[in-house]
Amino acid sequence: MLRSGNVFAGVGPAPVGEVTVTLAARPGAFVERIVSTGQASPPGFWYDQDWTEWVMVLAGEGAVRIEGEAEARTLRPGDWLELPARLRHRVEWTLADPPTVWLAVHWKDGSHDGP
């Protein structure tokens, strides 16, 4: 089935919280758009995922802290990170205006056939 769309369609102030939309999904992998409007990880919370996540900022700004690093990494449009499975990380802050738009690709180890 042919599908298409615009990654910025419907982006705007969220009525409540962050909005995540799955754009594509296949066995072992999925792509999502995340729209943040000032959200951050709760104090003391760390993501500890059993899959790899590749994330890119398309609009706005946000900061991701990697456990063990002295400073958070500020991401602006075009900046991306590949976060290996089990790498503890958290979102320190995101811009609310304009909204921060992320593109995230998630896959289980072994399901990525790239170089």
PDB file of N, CA and C in Angstrom:
ATOM      1  N   MET A   1       0.836  -1.175   0.000  1.00  0.00           N
ATOM      2  CA  MET A   1       0.000   0.000   0.000  1.00  0.00           C
ATOM      3  C   MET A   1       0.886   1.246   0.000  1.00  0.00           C
ATOM      4  N   LEU A   2       0.621   2.132  -0.933  1.00  0.00           N
ATOM      5  CA  LEU A   2       1.356   3.392  -1.024  1.00  0.00           C
ATOM      6  C   LEU A   2       0.815   4.349   0.022  1.00  0.00           C
ATOM      7  N   ARG A   3       1.725   4.950   0.782  1.00  0.00           N
ATOM      8  CA  ARG A   3       1.346   5.950   1.786  1.00  0.00           C
ATOM      9  C   ARG A   3       2.221   7.165   1.587  1.00  0.00           C
ATOM     10  N   SER A   4       1.681   8.335   1.887  1.00  0.00           N
ATOM     11  CA  SER A   4       2.478   9.559   1.839  1.00  0.00           C
ATOM     12  C   SER A   4       1.883  10.557   2.814  1.00  0.00           C
ATOM     13  N   GLY A   5       2.608  11.624   3.063  1.00  0.00           N
ATOM     14  CA  GLY A   5       2.128  12.652   3.971  1.00  0.00           C
ATOM     15  C   GLY A   5       3.150  13.751   4.108  1.00  0.00           C
ATOM     16  N   ASN A   6       2.938  14.600   5.080  1.00  0.00           N
ATOM     17  CA  ASN A   6       3.850  15.691   5.368  1.00  0.00           C
ATOM     18  C   ASN A   6       4.175  15.633   6.855  1.00  0.00           C
ATOM     19  N   VAL A   7       5.439  15.550   7.188  1.00  0.00           N
ATOM     20  CA  VAL A   7       5.856  15.390   8.577  1.00  0.00           C
ATOM     21  C   VAL A   7       5.425  16.569   9.452  1.00  0.00           C
ATOM     22  N   PHE A   8       5.153  17.726   8.844  1.00  0.00           N
ATOM     23  CA  PHE A   8       4.747  18.895   9.617  1.00  0.00           C
ATOM     24  C   PHE A   8       3.227  19.088   9.681  1.00  0.00           C
ATOM     25  N   ALA A   9       2.472  18.226   9.031  1.00  0.00           N
ATOM     26  CA  ALA A   9       1.006  18.344   9.041  1.00  0.00           C
ATOM     27  C   ALA A   9       0.488  18.235  10.469  1.00  0.00           C
ATOM     28  N   GLY A  10      -0.315  19.214  10.865  1.00  0.00           N
ATOM     29  CA  GLY A  10      -0.921  19.177  12.189  1.00  0.00           C
ATOM     30  C   GLY A  10      -0.019  19.610  13.326  1.00  0.00           C
ATOM     31  N   VAL A  11       1.183  20.091  13.023  1.00  0.00           N
ATOM     32  CA  VAL A  11       2.077  20.553  14.087  1.00  0.00           C
ATOM     33  C   VAL A  11       1.583  21.892  14.600  1.00  0.00           C
ATOM     34  N   GLY A  12       1.459  22.001  15.886  1.00  0.00           N
ATOM     35  CA  GLY A  12       1.022  23.235  16.518  1.00  0.00           C
ATOM     36  C   GLY A  12       1.002  23.026  18.011  1.00  0.00           C
ATOM     37  N   PRO A  13       0.555  24.013  18.729  1.00  0.00           N
ATOM     38  CA  PRO A  13       0.497  23.847  20.184  1.00  0.00           C
ATOM     39  C   PRO A  13      -0.365  22.643  20.553  1.00  0.00           C
ATOM     40  N   ALA A  14       0.179  21.777  21.379  1.00  0.00           N
ATOM     41  CA  ALA A  14      -0.549  20.574  21.798  1.00  0.00           C
ATOM     42  C   ALA A  14      -1.493  20.928  22.937  1.00  0.00           C
ATOM     43  N   PRO A  15      -2.721  20.398  22.904  1.00  0.00           N
ATOM     44  CA  PRO A  15      -3.655  20.689  23.987  1.00  0.00           C
ATOM     45  C   PRO A  15      -3.149  20.171  25.332  1.00  0.00           C
ATOM     46  N   VAL A  16      -2.530  19.007  25.332  1.00  0.00           N
ATOM     47  CA  VAL A  16      -1.984  18.429  26.565  1.00  0.00           C
ATOM     48  C   VAL A  16      -0.772  17.581  26.213  1.00  0.00           C
ATOM     49  N   GLY A  17       0.385  17.978  26.675  1.00  0.00           N
ATOM     50  CA  GLY A  17       1.574  17.142  26.553  1.00  0.00           C
ATOM     51  C   GLY A  17       2.122  16.966  25.156  1.00  0.00           C
ATOM     52  N   GLU A  18       3.086  16.079  25.096  1.00  0.00           N
ATOM     53  CA  GLU A  18       3.797  15.745  23.877  1.00  0.00           C
ATOM     54  C   GLU A  18       2.895  14.877  22.996  1.00  0.00           C
ATOM     55  N   VAL A  19       3.041  15.017  21.673  1.00  0.00           N
ATOM     56  CA  VAL A  19       2.227  14.238  20.741  1.00  0.00           C
ATOM     57  C   VAL A  19       3.158  13.387  19.877  1.00  0.00           C
ATOM     58  N   THR A  20       2.908  12.066  19.876  1.00  0.00           N
ATOM     59  CA  THR A  20       3.710  11.128  19.095  1.00  0.00           C
ATOM     60  C   THR A  20       2.814  10.444  18.074  1.00  0.00           C
ATOM     61  N   VAL A  21       3.271  10.419  16.814  1.00  0.00           N
ATOM     62  CA  VAL A  21       2.531   9.776  15.733  1.00  0.00           C
ATOM     63  C   VAL A  21       3.470   8.788  15.045  1.00  0.00           C
ATOM     64  N   THR A  22       3.043   7.542  14.897  1.00  0.00           N
ATOM     65  CA  THR A  22       3.824   6.553  14.149  1.00  0.00           C
ATOM     66  C   THR A  22       3.604   6.789  12.667  1.00  0.00           C
ATOM     67  N   LEU A  23       4.689   7.036  11.931  1.00  0.00           N
ATOM     68  CA  LEU A  23       4.614   7.311  10.500  1.00  0.00           C
ATOM     69  C   LEU A  23       4.768   6.040   9.668  1.00  0.00           C
ATOM     70  N   ALA A  24       5.530   5.078  10.170  1.00  0.00           N
ATOM     71  CA  ALA A  24       5.740   3.816   9.465  1.00  0.00           C
ATOM     72  C   ALA A  24       6.159   2.764  10.486  1.00  0.00           C
ATOM     73  N   ALA A  25       5.770   1.533  10.235  1.00  0.00           N
ATOM     74  CA  ALA A  25       6.155   0.431  11.122  1.00  0.00           C
ATOM     75  C   ALA A  25       6.318  -0.843  10.303  1.00  0.00           C
ATOM     76  N   ARG A  26       7.344  -1.578  10.630  1.00  0.00           N
ATOM     77  CA  ARG A  26       7.618  -2.877  10.021  1.00  0.00           C
ATOM     78  C   ARG A  26       8.135  -3.779  11.137  1.00  0.00           C
ATOM     79  N   PRO A  27       8.156  -5.077  10.922  1.00  0.00           N
ATOM     80  CA  PRO A  27       8.668  -5.958  11.973  1.00  0.00           C
ATOM     81  C   PRO A  27      10.070  -5.533  12.428  1.00  0.00           C
ATOM     82  N   GLY A  28      10.218  -5.261  13.704  1.00  0.00           N
ATOM     83  CA  GLY A  28      11.515  -4.902  14.273  1.00  0.00           C
ATOM     84  C   GLY A  28      11.889  -3.445  14.179  1.00  0.00           C
ATOM     85  N   ALA A  29      11.046  -2.601  13.540  1.00  0.00           N
ATOM     86  CA  ALA A  29      11.417  -1.192  13.388  1.00  0.00           C
ATOM     87  C   ALA A  29      10.173  -0.320  13.222  1.00  0.00           C
ATOM     88  N   PHE A  30      10.291   0.940  13.670  1.00  0.00           N
ATOM     89  CA  PHE A  30       9.222   1.902  13.419  1.00  0.00           C
ATOM     90  C   PHE A  30       9.791   3.309  13.399  1.00  0.00           C
ATOM     91  N   VAL A  31       9.051   4.204  12.710  1.00  0.00           N
ATOM     92  CA  VAL A  31       9.430   5.607  12.560  1.00  0.00           C
ATOM     93  C   VAL A  31       8.313   6.439  13.166  1.00  0.00           C
ATOM     94  N   GLU A  32       8.694   7.416  13.969  1.00  0.00           N
ATOM     95  CA  GLU A  32       7.664   8.270  14.560  1.00  0.00           C
ATOM     96  C   GLU A  32       8.066   9.731  14.519  1.00  0.00           C
ATOM     97  N   ARG A  33       7.029  10.571  14.544  1.00  0.00           N
ATOM     98  CA  ARG A  33       7.215  12.010  14.694  1.00  0.00           C
ATOM     99  C   ARG A  33       6.773  12.348  16.109  1.00  0.00           C
ATOM    100  N   ILE A  34       7.610  13.119  16.792  1.00  0.00           N
ATOM    101  CA  ILE A  34       7.299  13.553  18.153  1.00  0.00           C
ATOM    102  C   ILE A  34       7.270  15.073  18.140  1.00  0.00           C
ATOM    103  N   VAL A  35       6.195  15.653  18.656  1.00  0.00           N
ATOM    104  CA  VAL A  35       6.095  17.107  18.766  1.00  0.00           C
ATOM    105  C   VAL A  35       6.107  17.448  20.248  1.00  0.00           C
ATOM    106  N   SER A  36       7.161  18.140  20.666  1.00  0.00           N
ATOM    107  CA  SER A  36       7.329  18.556  22.058  1.00  0.00           C
ATOM    108  C   SER A  36       7.049  20.046  22.169  1.00  0.00           C
ATOM    109  N   THR A  37       6.370  20.412  23.222  1.00  0.00           N
ATOM    110  CA  THR A  37       6.057  21.826  23.455  1.00  0.00           C
ATOM    111  C   THR A  37       6.473  22.202  24.873  1.00  0.00           C
ATOM    112  N   GLY A  38       7.785  22.078  25.114  1.00  0.00           N
ATOM    113  CA  GLY A  38       8.326  22.425  26.418  1.00  0.00           C
ATOM    114  C   GLY A  38       8.501  21.250  27.361  1.00  0.00           C
ATOM    115  N   GLN A  39       8.243  20.025  26.903  1.00  0.00           N
ATOM    116  CA  GLN A  39       8.371  18.868  27.787  1.00  0.00           C
ATOM    117  C   GLN A  39       9.824  18.490  28.024  1.00  0.00           C
ATOM    118  N   ALA A  40      10.046  17.779  29.123  1.00  0.00           N
ATOM    119  CA  ALA A  40      11.341  17.225  29.486  1.00  0.00           C
ATOM    120  C   ALA A  40      11.078  15.936  30.247  1.00  0.00           C
ATOM    121  N   SER A  41      12.101  15.117  30.377  1.00  0.00           N
ATOM    122  CA  SER A  41      11.974  13.906  31.188  1.00  0.00           C
ATOM    123  C   SER A  41      11.755  14.305  32.639  1.00  0.00           C
ATOM    124  N   PRO A  42      10.960  13.536  33.381  1.00  0.00           N
ATOM    125  CA  PRO A  42      10.766  13.842  34.805  1.00  0.00           C
ATOM    126  C   PRO A  42      12.095  13.795  35.564  1.00  0.00           C
ATOM    127  N   PRO A  43      12.224  14.560  36.643  1.00  0.00           N
ATOM    128  CA  PRO A  43      13.459  14.527  37.438  1.00  0.00           C
ATOM    129  C   PRO A  43      13.808  13.097  37.837  1.00  0.00           C
ATOM    130  N   GLY A  44      15.077  12.740  37.618  1.00  0.00           N
ATOM    131  CA  GLY A  44      15.566  11.424  38.005  1.00  0.00           C
ATOM    132  C   GLY A  44      15.230  10.297  37.037  1.00  0.00           C
ATOM    133  N   PHE A  45      14.425  10.577  35.993  1.00  0.00           N
ATOM    134  CA  PHE A  45      14.036   9.535  35.032  1.00  0.00           C
ATOM    135  C   PHE A  45      15.070   9.431  33.927  1.00  0.00           C
ATOM    136  N   TRP A  46      15.436   8.189  33.566  1.00  0.00           N
ATOM    137  CA  TRP A  46      16.346   7.919  32.456  1.00  0.00           C
ATOM    138  C   TRP A  46      15.706   6.893  31.541  1.00  0.00           C
ATOM    139  N   TYR A  47      15.720   7.153  30.230  1.00  0.00           N
ATOM    140  CA  TYR A  47      15.325   6.123  29.273  1.00  0.00           C
ATOM    141  C   TYR A  47      16.405   5.057  29.276  1.00  0.00           C
ATOM    142  N   ASP A  48      16.012   3.795  29.262  1.00  0.00           N
ATOM    143  CA  ASP A  48      16.927   2.649  29.211  1.00  0.00           C
ATOM    144  C   ASP A  48      16.259   1.614  28.312  1.00  0.00           C
ATOM    145  N   GLN A  49      16.313   1.855  27.017  1.00  0.00           N
ATOM    146  CA  GLN A  49      15.548   1.099  26.032  1.00  0.00           C
ATOM    147  C   GLN A  49      16.312  -0.133  25.560  1.00  0.00           C
ATOM    148  N   ASP A  50      15.583  -1.173  25.196  1.00  0.00           N
ATOM    149  CA  ASP A  50      16.241  -2.366  24.668  1.00  0.00           C
ATOM    150  C   ASP A  50      16.282  -2.355  23.138  1.00  0.00           C
ATOM    151  N   TRP A  51      16.180  -1.179  22.534  1.00  0.00           N
ATOM    152  CA  TRP A  51      16.287  -0.993  21.091  1.00  0.00           C
ATOM    153  C   TRP A  51      17.128   0.245  20.822  1.00  0.00           C
ATOM    154  N   THR A  52      17.667   0.333  19.621  1.00  0.00           N
ATOM    155  CA  THR A  52      18.419   1.505  19.187  1.00  0.00           C
ATOM    156  C   THR A  52      17.429   2.559  18.700  1.00  0.00           C
ATOM    157  N   GLU A  53      17.749   3.824  18.998  1.00  0.00           N
ATOM    158  CA  GLU A  53      16.917   4.931  18.549  1.00  0.00           C
ATOM    159  C   GLU A  53      17.798   5.946  17.834  1.00  0.00           C
ATOM    160  N   TRP A  54      17.403   6.296  16.618  1.00  0.00           N
ATOM    161  CA  TRP A  54      18.043   7.369  15.861  1.00  0.00           C
ATOM    162  C   TRP A  54      17.056   8.518  15.877  1.00  0.00           C
ATOM    163  N   VAL A  55      17.493   9.671  16.356  1.00  0.00           N
ATOM    164  CA  VAL A  55      16.583  10.800  16.505  1.00  0.00           C
ATOM    165  C   VAL A  55      17.199  12.046  15.882  1.00  0.00           C
ATOM    166  N   MET A  56      16.332  12.847  15.219  1.00  0.00           N
ATOM    167  CA  MET A  56      16.773  14.079  14.563  1.00  0.00           C
ATOM    168  C   MET A  56      15.774  15.180  14.880  1.00  0.00           C
ATOM    169  N   VAL A  57      16.286  16.375  15.122  1.00  0.00           N
ATOM    170  CA  VAL A  57      15.417  17.533  15.315  1.00  0.00           C
ATOM    171  C   VAL A  57      15.162  18.164  13.952  1.00  0.00           C
ATOM    172  N   LEU A  58      13.873  18.305  13.617  1.00  0.00           N
ATOM    173  CA  LEU A  58      13.479  18.921  12.350  1.00  0.00           C
ATOM    174  C   LEU A  58      13.142  20.405  12.523  1.00  0.00           C
ATOM    175  N   ALA A  59      12.627  20.769  13.700  1.00  0.00           N
ATOM    176  CA  ALA A  59      12.254  22.158  13.997  1.00  0.00           C
ATOM    177  C   ALA A  59      12.359  22.355  15.500  1.00  0.00           C
ATOM    178  N   GLY A  60      12.560  23.594  15.918  1.00  0.00           N
ATOM    179  CA  GLY A  60      12.703  23.881  17.339  1.00  0.00           C
ATOM    180  C   GLY A  60      14.076  23.480  17.857  1.00  0.00           C
ATOM    181  N   GLU A  61      14.149  23.201  19.150  1.00  0.00           N
ATOM    182  CA  GLU A  61      15.401  22.779  19.792  1.00  0.00           C
ATOM    183  C   GLU A  61      15.077  21.916  20.992  1.00  0.00           C
ATOM    184  N   GLY A  62      16.037  21.088  21.349  1.00  0.00           N
ATOM    185  CA  GLY A  62      15.916  20.290  22.563  1.00  0.00           C
ATOM    186  C   GLY A  62      17.300  19.879  23.023  1.00  0.00           C
ATOM    187  N   ALA A  63      17.375  19.393  24.245  1.00  0.00           N
ATOM    188  CA  ALA A  63      18.658  18.939  24.777  1.00  0.00           C
ATOM    189  C   ALA A  63      18.494  17.534  25.334  1.00  0.00           C
ATOM    190  N   VAL A  64      19.451  16.671  24.973  1.00  0.00           N
ATOM    191  CA  VAL A  64      19.461  15.288  25.431  1.00  0.00           C
ATOM    192  C   VAL A  64      20.708  15.090  26.278  1.00  0.00           C
ATOM    193  N   ARG A  65      20.517  14.546  27.469  1.00  0.00           N
ATOM    194  CA  ARG A  65      21.655  14.223  28.335  1.00  0.00           C
ATOM    195  C   ARG A  65      21.899  12.725  28.253  1.00  0.00           C
ATOM    196  N   ILE A  66      23.153  12.361  28.042  1.00  0.00           N
ATOM    197  CA  ILE A  66      23.588  10.972  28.006  1.00  0.00           C
ATOM    198  C   ILE A  66      24.240  10.689  29.361  1.00  0.00           C
ATOM    199  N   GLU A  67      23.849   9.599  29.997  1.00  0.00           N
ATOM    200  CA  GLU A  67      24.422   9.275  31.301  1.00  0.00           C
ATOM    201  C   GLU A  67      25.944   9.182  31.188  1.00  0.00           C
ATOM    202  N   GLY A  68      26.631   9.837  32.107  1.00  0.00           N
ATOM    203  CA  GLY A  68      28.084   9.831  32.124  1.00  0.00           C
ATOM    204  C   GLY A  68      28.722  11.016  31.425  1.00  0.00           C
ATOM    205  N   GLU A  69      27.976  11.743  30.614  1.00  0.00           N
ATOM    206  CA  GLU A  69      28.522  12.929  29.966  1.00  0.00           C
ATOM    207  C   GLU A  69      28.313  14.139  30.868  1.00  0.00           C
ATOM    208  N   ALA A  70      29.254  15.054  30.848  1.00  0.00           N
ATOM    209  CA  ALA A  70      29.211  16.211  31.737  1.00  0.00           C
ATOM    210  C   ALA A  70      28.102  17.191  31.380  1.00  0.00           C
ATOM    211  N   GLU A  71      27.776  17.305  30.112  1.00  0.00           N
ATOM    212  CA  GLU A  71      26.789  18.293  29.673  1.00  0.00           C
ATOM    213  C   GLU A  71      25.769  17.657  28.749  1.00  0.00           C
ATOM    214  N   ALA A  72      24.581  18.234  28.731  1.00  0.00           N
ATOM    215  CA  ALA A  72      23.555  17.814  27.781  1.00  0.00           C
ATOM    216  C   ALA A  72      23.957  18.268  26.382  1.00  0.00           C
ATOM    217  N   ARG A  73      23.498  17.533  25.387  1.00  0.00           N
ATOM    218  CA  ARG A  73      23.757  17.886  23.989  1.00  0.00           C
ATOM    219  C   ARG A  73      22.552  18.649  23.452  1.00  0.00           C
ATOM    220  N   THR A  74      22.765  19.890  23.047  1.00  0.00           N
ATOM    221  CA  THR A  74      21.685  20.685  22.457  1.00  0.00           C
ATOM    222  C   THR A  74      21.564  20.309  20.992  1.00  0.00           C
ATOM    223  N   LEU A  75      20.345  19.982  20.576  1.00  0.00           N
ATOM    224  CA  LEU A  75      20.075  19.610  19.193  1.00  0.00           C
ATOM    225  C   LEU A  75      19.200  20.678  18.545  1.00  0.00           C
ATOM    226  N   ARG A  76      19.629  21.120  17.388  1.00  0.00           N
ATOM    227  CA  ARG A  76      18.905  22.113  16.601  1.00  0.00           C
ATOM    228  C   ARG A  76      18.517  21.471  15.267  1.00  0.00           C
ATOM    229  N   PRO A  77      17.702  22.142  14.447  1.00  0.00           N
ATOM    230  CA  PRO A  77      17.282  21.530  13.191  1.00  0.00           C
ATOM    231  C   PRO A  77      18.460  20.965  12.392  1.00  0.00           C
ATOM    232  N   GLY A  78      18.304  19.696  12.022  1.00  0.00           N
ATOM    233  CA  GLY A  78      19.331  18.988  11.266  1.00  0.00           C
ATOM    234  C   GLY A  78      20.256  18.152  12.124  1.00  0.00           C
ATOM    235  N   ASP A  79      20.317  18.406  13.430  1.00  0.00           N
ATOM    236  CA  ASP A  79      21.184  17.625  14.319  1.00  0.00           C
ATOM    237  C   ASP A  79      20.519  16.293  14.644  1.00  0.00           C
ATOM    238  N   TRP A  80      21.330  15.233  14.743  1.00  0.00           N
ATOM    239  CA  TRP A  80      20.795  13.913  15.067  1.00  0.00           C
ATOM    240  C   TRP A  80      21.735  13.154  15.989  1.00  0.00           C
ATOM    241  N   LEU A  81      21.162  12.153  16.636  1.00  0.00           N
ATOM    242  CA  LEU A  81      21.906  11.254  17.524  1.00  0.00           C
ATOM    243  C   LEU A  81      21.471   9.825  17.241  1.00  0.00           C
ATOM    244  N   GLU A  82      22.387   8.890  17.326  1.00  0.00           N
ATOM    245  CA  GLU A  82      22.036   7.476  17.346  1.00  0.00           C
ATOM    246  C   GLU A  82      22.325   6.971  18.745  1.00  0.00           C
ATOM    247  N   LEU A  83      21.275   6.537  19.415  1.00  0.00           N
ATOM    248  CA  LEU A  83      21.355   6.106  20.810  1.00  0.00           C
ATOM    249  C   LEU A  83      21.277   4.588  20.848  1.00  0.00           C
ATOM    250  N   PRO A  84      22.403   3.910  21.066  1.00  0.00           N
ATOM    251  CA  PRO A  84      22.384   2.448  21.092  1.00  0.00           C
ATOM    252  C   PRO A  84      21.483   1.912  22.210  1.00  0.00           C
ATOM    253  N   ALA A  85      21.013   0.699  22.017  1.00  0.00           N
ATOM    254  CA  ALA A  85      20.217   0.039  23.046  1.00  0.00           C
ATOM    255  C   ALA A  85      20.965   0.074  24.374  1.00  0.00           C
ATOM    256  N   ARG A  86      20.218   0.298  25.449  1.00  0.00           N
ATOM    257  CA  ARG A  86      20.699   0.302  26.832  1.00  0.00           C
ATOM    258  C   ARG A  86      21.502   1.549  27.200  1.00  0.00           C
ATOM    259  N   LEU A  87      21.678   2.503  26.277  1.00  0.00           N
ATOM    260  CA  LEU A  87      22.365   3.752  26.615  1.00  0.00           C
ATOM    261  C   LEU A  87      21.375   4.642  27.360  1.00  0.00           C
ATOM    262  N   ARG A  88      21.637   4.878  28.624  1.00  0.00           N
ATOM    263  CA  ARG A  88      20.712   5.678  29.429  1.00  0.00           C
ATOM    264  C   ARG A  88      20.816   7.145  29.018  1.00  0.00           C
ATOM    265  N   HIS A  89      19.636   7.737  28.783  1.00  0.00           N
ATOM    266  CA  HIS A  89      19.570   9.126  28.331  1.00  0.00           C
ATOM    267  C   HIS A  89      18.251   9.738  28.787  1.00  0.00           C
ATOM    268  N   ARG A  90      18.185  11.054  28.717  1.00  0.00           N
ATOM    269  CA  ARG A  90      16.975  11.777  29.113  1.00  0.00           C
ATOM    270  C   ARG A  90      16.869  13.073  28.316  1.00  0.00           C
ATOM    271  N   VAL A  91      15.668  13.586  28.200  1.00  0.00           N
ATOM    272  CA  VAL A  91      15.445  14.880  27.544  1.00  0.00           C
ATOM    273  C   VAL A  91      15.475  15.941  28.639  1.00  0.00           C
ATOM    274  N   GLU A  92      16.417  16.863  28.538  1.00  0.00           N
ATOM    275  CA  GLU A  92      16.570  17.913  29.549  1.00  0.00           C
ATOM    276  C   GLU A  92      15.560  19.041  29.351  1.00  0.00           C
ATOM    277  N   TRP A  93      15.326  19.435  28.092  1.00  0.00           N
ATOM    278  CA  TRP A  93      14.368  20.496  27.793  1.00  0.00           C
ATOM    279  C   TRP A  93      14.048  20.478  26.305  1.00  0.00           C
ATOM    280  N   THR A  94      12.919  21.077  25.962  1.00  0.00           N
ATOM    281  CA  THR A  94      12.540  21.306  24.565  1.00  0.00           C
ATOM    282  C   THR A  94      11.926  22.697  24.467  1.00  0.00           C
ATOM    283  N   LEU A  95      12.041  23.302  23.299  1.00  0.00           N
ATOM    284  CA  LEU A  95      11.369  24.582  23.065  1.00  0.00           C
ATOM    285  C   LEU A  95       9.874  24.343  22.917  1.00  0.00           C
ATOM    286  N   ALA A  96       9.097  25.298  23.394  1.00  0.00           N
ATOM    287  CA  ALA A  96       7.644  25.231  23.245  1.00  0.00           C
ATOM    288  C   ALA A  96       7.178  26.042  22.039  1.00  0.00           C
ATOM    289  N   ASP A  97       7.858  27.145  21.765  1.00  0.00           N
ATOM    290  CA  ASP A  97       7.445  28.031  20.690  1.00  0.00           C
ATOM    291  C   ASP A  97       8.680  28.516  19.944  1.00  0.00           C
ATOM    292  N   PRO A  98       8.956  27.993  18.773  1.00  0.00           N
ATOM    293  CA  PRO A  98       8.116  27.045  18.052  1.00  0.00           C
ATOM    294  C   PRO A  98       8.224  25.650  18.669  1.00  0.00           C
ATOM    295  N   PRO A  99       7.231  24.795  18.396  1.00  0.00           N
ATOM    296  CA  PRO A  99       7.307  23.428  18.906  1.00  0.00           C
ATOM    297  C   PRO A  99       8.575  22.734  18.399  1.00  0.00           C
ATOM    298  N   THR A 100       9.074  21.805  19.179  1.00  0.00           N
ATOM    299  CA  THR A 100      10.217  20.998  18.773  1.00  0.00           C
ATOM    300  C   THR A 100       9.676  19.752  18.093  1.00  0.00           C
ATOM    301  N   VAL A 101      10.068  19.556  16.836  1.00  0.00           N
ATOM    302  CA  VAL A 101       9.612  18.408  16.054  1.00  0.00           C
ATOM    303  C   VAL A 101      10.799  17.463  15.880  1.00  0.00           C
ATOM    304  N   TRP A 102      10.618  16.234  16.356  1.00  0.00           N
ATOM    305  CA  TRP A 102      11.640  15.188  16.286  1.00  0.00           C
ATOM    306  C   TRP A 102      11.203  14.137  15.275  1.00  0.00           C
ATOM    307  N   LEU A 103      12.148  13.559  14.566  1.00  0.00           N
ATOM    308  CA  LEU A 103      11.915  12.363  13.766  1.00  0.00           C
ATOM    309  C   LEU A 103      12.727  11.265  14.434  1.00  0.00           C
ATOM    310  N   ALA A 104      12.063  10.177  14.825  1.00  0.00           N
ATOM    311  CA  ALA A 104      12.748   9.095  15.534  1.00  0.00           C
ATOM    312  C   ALA A 104      12.549   7.782  14.789  1.00  0.00           C
ATOM    313  N   VAL A 105      13.641   7.046  14.629  1.00  0.00           N
ATOM    314  CA  VAL A 105      13.614   5.719  14.030  1.00  0.00           C
ATOM    315  C   VAL A 105      14.104   4.745  15.105  1.00  0.00           C
ATOM    316  N   HIS A 106      13.313   3.708  15.358  1.00  0.00           N
ATOM    317  CA  HIS A 106      13.633   2.725  16.399  1.00  0.00           C
ATOM    318  C   HIS A 106      13.795   1.353  15.749  1.00  0.00           C
ATOM    319  N   TRP A 107      14.816   0.611  16.170  1.00  0.00           N
ATOM    320  CA  TRP A 107      14.954  -0.771  15.693  1.00  0.00           C
ATOM    321  C   TRP A 107      15.638  -1.619  16.742  1.00  0.00           C
ATOM    322  N   LYS A 108      15.298  -2.888  16.722  1.00  0.00           N
ATOM    323  CA  LYS A 108      15.946  -3.864  17.599  1.00  0.00           C
ATOM    324  C   LYS A 108      17.285  -4.216  16.998  1.00  0.00           C
ATOM    325  N   ASP A 109      18.286  -4.449  17.845  1.00  0.00           N
ATOM    326  CA  ASP A 109      19.594  -4.856  17.341  1.00  0.00           C
ATOM    327  C   ASP A 109      19.438  -6.079  16.454  1.00  0.00           C
ATOM    328  N   GLY A 110      20.149  -6.081  15.329  1.00  0.00           N
ATOM    329  CA  GLY A 110      20.075  -7.178  14.397  1.00  0.00           C
ATOM    330  C   GLY A 110      19.051  -6.974  13.296  1.00  0.00           C
ATOM    331  N   SER A 111      18.173  -5.963  13.436  1.00  0.00           N
ATOM    332  CA  SER A 111      17.166  -5.749  12.392  1.00  0.00           C
ATOM    333  C   SER A 111      17.544  -4.608  11.459  1.00  0.00           C
ATOM    334  N   HIS A 112      18.727  -4.048  11.618  1.00  0.00           N
ATOM    335  CA  HIS A 112      19.197  -2.954  10.768  1.00  0.00           C
ATOM    336  C   HIS A 112      20.185  -3.511   9.754  1.00  0.00           C
ATOM    337  N   ASP A 113      19.920  -3.309   8.479  1.00  0.00           N
ATOM    338  CA  ASP A 113      20.758  -3.882   7.427  1.00  0.00           C
ATOM    339  C   ASP A 113      21.690  -2.866   6.781  1.00  0.00           C
ATOM    340  N   GLY A 114      21.840  -1.685   7.387  1.00  0.00           N
ATOM    341  CA  GLY A 114      22.675  -0.637   6.796  1.00  0.00           C
ATOM    342  C   GLY A 114      24.151  -0.927   6.925  1.00  0.00           C
ATOM    343  N   PRO A 115      24.976   0.007   6.484  1.00  0.00           N
ATOM    344  CA  PRO A 115      26.444  -0.180   6.535  1.00  0.00           C
ATOM    345  C   PRO A 115      26.980  -0.275   7.939  1.00  0.00           C
TER     346      PRO A 115
END
